[in-house]
Protein backbone atom coordinates (compact mmCIF):
# COMPACT_ATOMS: atom_id res chain seq x y z
CA MET A 1 0.10 -0.05 -0.06
CA GLU A 2 1.31 3.66 -1.02
CA LEU A 3 2.51 5.51 2.06
CA SER A 4 -0.05 8.36 1.27
CA ALA A 5 -2.82 6.07 1.97
CA TYR A 6 -1.53 5.77 5.62
CA PHE A 7 -1.25 9.55 5.99
CA ARG A 8 -4.67 10.29 4.44
CA SER A 9 -5.99 7.75 6.95
CA ILE A 10 -4.19 9.53 9.85
CA VAL A 11 -5.78 12.98 9.01
CA GLU A 12 -9.29 11.16 8.24
CA GLN A 13 -9.14 9.65 11.61
CA ASP A 14 -8.24 12.56 13.65
CA THR A 15 -11.05 14.14 15.90
CA SER A 16 -9.31 17.76 15.50
CA PRO A 17 -10.29 19.63 12.54
CA VAL A 18 -7.61 19.69 9.74
CA VAL A 19 -8.07 22.29 6.72
CA ILE A 20 -5.11 22.14 4.39
CA CYS A 21 -4.42 25.18 2.01
CA ASP A 22 -1.94 25.66 -0.83
CA LEU A 23 0.05 28.94 -1.16
CA ASP A 24 -2.80 30.58 -2.87
CA HIS A 25 -4.86 30.30 0.35
CA ILE A 26 -7.18 27.77 -1.55
CA ILE A 27 -8.86 25.12 0.78
CA ILE A 28 -7.72 21.68 -0.73
CA TYR A 29 -8.69 19.45 1.88
CA MET A 30 -11.05 19.20 5.03
CA ASN A 31 -10.94 16.21 7.25
CA PRO A 32 -14.38 14.92 8.36
CA ALA A 33 -13.74 16.75 11.88
CA ALA A 34 -13.32 20.09 10.07
CA GLN A 35 -16.23 19.71 7.84
CA ASP A 36 -18.44 19.31 10.94
CA ARG A 37 -16.86 21.94 12.71
CA TYR A 38 -17.41 24.50 9.94
CA ALA A 39 -20.72 22.91 8.59
CA GLY A 40 -22.46 26.19 9.46
CA ARG A 41 -20.17 28.12 7.07
CA GLY A 42 -20.39 25.54 4.19
CA GLY A 43 -18.62 22.39 5.54
CA ALA A 44 -17.14 20.35 2.69
CA GLY A 45 -18.42 23.08 0.42
CA LEU A 46 -15.51 25.15 1.40
CA VAL A 47 -12.87 23.05 -0.39
CA GLY A 48 -12.09 24.79 -3.43
CA ARG A 49 -12.52 28.23 -2.07
CA SER A 50 -10.13 30.78 -0.44
CA LEU A 51 -9.67 30.55 3.15
CA LEU A 52 -9.30 34.36 3.28
CA ASP A 53 -12.92 34.54 2.23
CA CYS A 54 -13.79 32.86 5.81
CA HIS A 55 -11.77 35.53 7.71
CA GLY A 56 -11.96 39.13 8.27
CA PRO A 57 -9.32 41.41 6.88
CA GLN A 58 -7.10 41.70 10.03
CA SER A 59 -7.05 37.74 10.37
CA GLY A 60 -6.45 37.38 6.71
CA GLU A 61 -3.45 39.82 6.90
CA GLN A 62 -2.17 37.62 9.86
CA ILE A 63 -2.22 34.41 7.64
CA LYS A 64 -0.48 36.10 4.80
CA ARG A 65 2.38 37.06 7.15
CA VAL A 66 2.61 33.69 8.52
CA THR A 67 2.88 32.03 5.16
CA ALA A 68 5.39 34.88 4.15
CA TRP A 69 7.52 33.89 7.39
CA PHE A 70 6.97 30.09 6.53
CA GLY A 71 8.52 31.01 2.92
CA GLU A 72 11.68 32.94 4.53
CA SER A 73 13.20 29.63 5.97
CA ALA A 74 12.80 25.92 5.93
CA ALA A 75 13.24 26.18 9.61
CA HIS A 76 10.18 28.22 10.19
CA ASN A 77 7.47 25.48 10.24
CA ILE A 78 5.06 26.16 12.99
CA LEU A 79 3.56 29.34 14.79
CA TYR A 80 1.30 29.64 17.64
CA THR A 81 -1.77 31.85 16.42
CA PHE A 82 -4.71 31.66 18.82
CA ARG A 83 -5.71 30.49 22.28
CA ASN A 84 -9.46 29.32 22.83
CA GLU A 85 -10.10 29.30 26.45
CA LYS A 86 -13.72 28.11 25.96
CA GLU A 87 -12.57 25.10 24.08
CA ASN A 88 -9.27 24.85 26.23
CA LYS A 89 -7.17 24.71 23.03
CA ASP A 90 -4.28 26.39 21.44
CA VAL A 91 -4.09 26.95 17.61
CA PHE A 92 -1.03 26.84 15.38
CA MET A 93 -0.50 27.35 11.64
CA VAL A 94 1.83 24.71 10.35
CA ALA A 95 3.94 24.83 7.30
CA LEU A 96 3.72 22.01 4.73
CA ARG A 97 6.86 21.19 2.62
CA ASP A 98 7.48 18.75 -0.28
CA GLU A 99 10.64 16.10 -0.16
CA ASN A 100 13.00 19.03 -1.02
CA GLY A 101 11.88 21.33 1.73
CA THR A 102 9.99 23.60 -0.36
CA LEU A 103 6.96 25.41 0.99
CA ILE A 104 3.73 23.93 -0.85
CA GLY A 105 1.08 25.01 1.74
CA TYR A 106 -0.26 25.09 5.34
CA TYR A 107 -2.64 23.75 7.62
CA GLU A 108 -4.15 24.78 11.03
CA LYS A 109 -3.49 22.49 14.08
CA HIS A 110 -5.60 22.42 17.12
CA GLU A 111 -4.16 21.41 20.55
CA TYR A 112 -6.76 20.47 23.24
CA TRP A 113 -5.46 20.42 26.85
CA THR A 114 -8.57 18.88 28.35
CA PRO A 115 -7.85 15.36 29.81
CA HIS A 116 -9.64 12.52 28.40
CA SER A 117 -12.33 11.30 31.00
CA GLY A 118 -12.67 7.79 29.58
CA GLU A 119 -11.35 4.60 30.83
CA THR A 120 -8.30 3.33 29.20
CA TYR A 121 -8.68 0.56 26.85
CA GLN A 122 -12.47 0.61 27.03
CA PHE A 123 -13.48 -1.37 23.98
CA ALA A 124 -17.01 -0.48 23.64
């Protein structure tokens, strides 16, 4: 099986929203969690549209600044962008690079800090 199938499966199963954009800020992929989270804004219908259309002017400028920073150095790969107290999470923008280290896009990463409340290894 091709390695890309494994990576796709990882992202598809992630319970955190994953929205992947190209360098023109076009949404090229949304995992099921992102489609659900942004259902009120169009859900899966946002694929193929500009991420900048989903944000106000100030946020759009910040997104452009971050992607420019990613392009300045292959060492610039992740940047903290937002704290959401209500959901107890931090949000980051993460650079996506090809096998040569060339910037090809970016995605938003959500890190939740709420401990899991279920039992370990509960098969149900």
